[in-house]
Structures are given as structure tokens and as C-alpha cells.
Amino acid sequence: MQIIRHASFRATPWKNGAGVTHEALRSPLDGPAFQWRVSVATVGASGPFSDFSGYRRHMVLLRGAGVQLQFADGSAADLRAVGDQLAFDGGMAVHCELLGGECTDLNLMVSTALPAPDVRVLRLEAEYDLFAAPHHFILLFPITGAVTVTAADGRPEILAPWDLALATAASDRTVRLSPVDQDSSAQVFLADLMDTA
């Protein structure tokens, strides 16, 4: 299992130059183009999002009072509570309106050339087993609350909020999650993607 600590995320300018995202992991690791990417960005002012034509964008609110996204097709969507998520076409023009000051969000970008990932936010209250199918991998990102992750080798690892783990079917077919604090739940972002390596 690969674990990327939040402190090691790499700062990268937004495509439109209006801010900075902190990149956790991408495939491939280098170069201007990627098949998928996980990053965390703080939005300090209302304004347009960067154009990510050719990508599906999955956005999750991590901190702040929330945002309203206004799309070029006339639709709108709000993210108001931590853990709220939305998937949309990265190539559609969108204006982000802050609802109460600075916000931080998680972004998973996946090329439209790949199968659409299975993405969800899990409220973890007890032990929970994940299964990576052949030729798939799973991204795990605790949003609130620390999580113990136990992979196939039986060695537990603690993920603090906003750390990232990647489990592959080849080495971590079964992964067990449990909240570190047994008296409270944790929110965990999970994404199941096709392994193209």
C-alpha cells in the first residue's frame, strides 16, 4: 500500500493562475498531462474554475462554509457541509461563488478516456472491508477523523485526516478500515479506479 502524507503534497499553480493546488498523487507522476490526479486546493475568492476539458472532475468540500457552482448550461449546485461531493464535466465553464469565506476542497480528476470511477464518501463507524477488483485500485482519503488501514500483510497504518492511501488489487486485495477513535465516526473519501499501469 502506498501512503502519501498530507505534509508531502506538492504545491502546483492552477491552470488559470488564480491560485494553488496541492497535488497528492497523479498518473503518470510527471509531465503536463495525466490520466488521473488527486489534489487539495483552497479557494480564497469567488471566480471561474480552470478548464479541464477531457476530464471528469470529482469535488468534495473539506473545510469552510461552502460554495455554489454555477455552470454554463444554467444549472447550479451547492456544497455546504464537509463531505458534500459533486461530479461534473471538467470542460464545462463554471463560476465558483463562496458562501461564507475561504474553503478547501478535494479534487479527483479522471480522464474521460478511462472508465468512470466509483466515487463515494463513507461515514465510518466500525470496521469496514474494501475489496479491490482485478486491474483496479482504491484511493482512500480521510476527511474527518483518523483511520486505521490494515492491508493484506496485516500491518496496520494510521491515516490522519487528509492523508492519502492507494491500495492495489495486486498487493492489497482486501483492506480493512476502522476509526481510530471508536467513540466517533470518520468520513472517508473512496474512489475505485481502473488500473492502467
Foldseek 3Di string as FASTA:
>chain_A
DDWFAQVPFCWDAFPVRPFIKGWGQFPPRDDDDTQKTKIKTKDFAWFKHDADAQKKKKKFWQDDQWKKKQWPVGDIDIHGDGGDMDIDGSRTIIIIHHPGGMTMMMMMIHGPVFPDKDKHKDWAQAKDKDFADPQKKKKKAWRDAKKWKAFPVRDIDIHHHGMMDMGHCVGGRMIMIHGPPNVGIIIMIMIMGGHPD
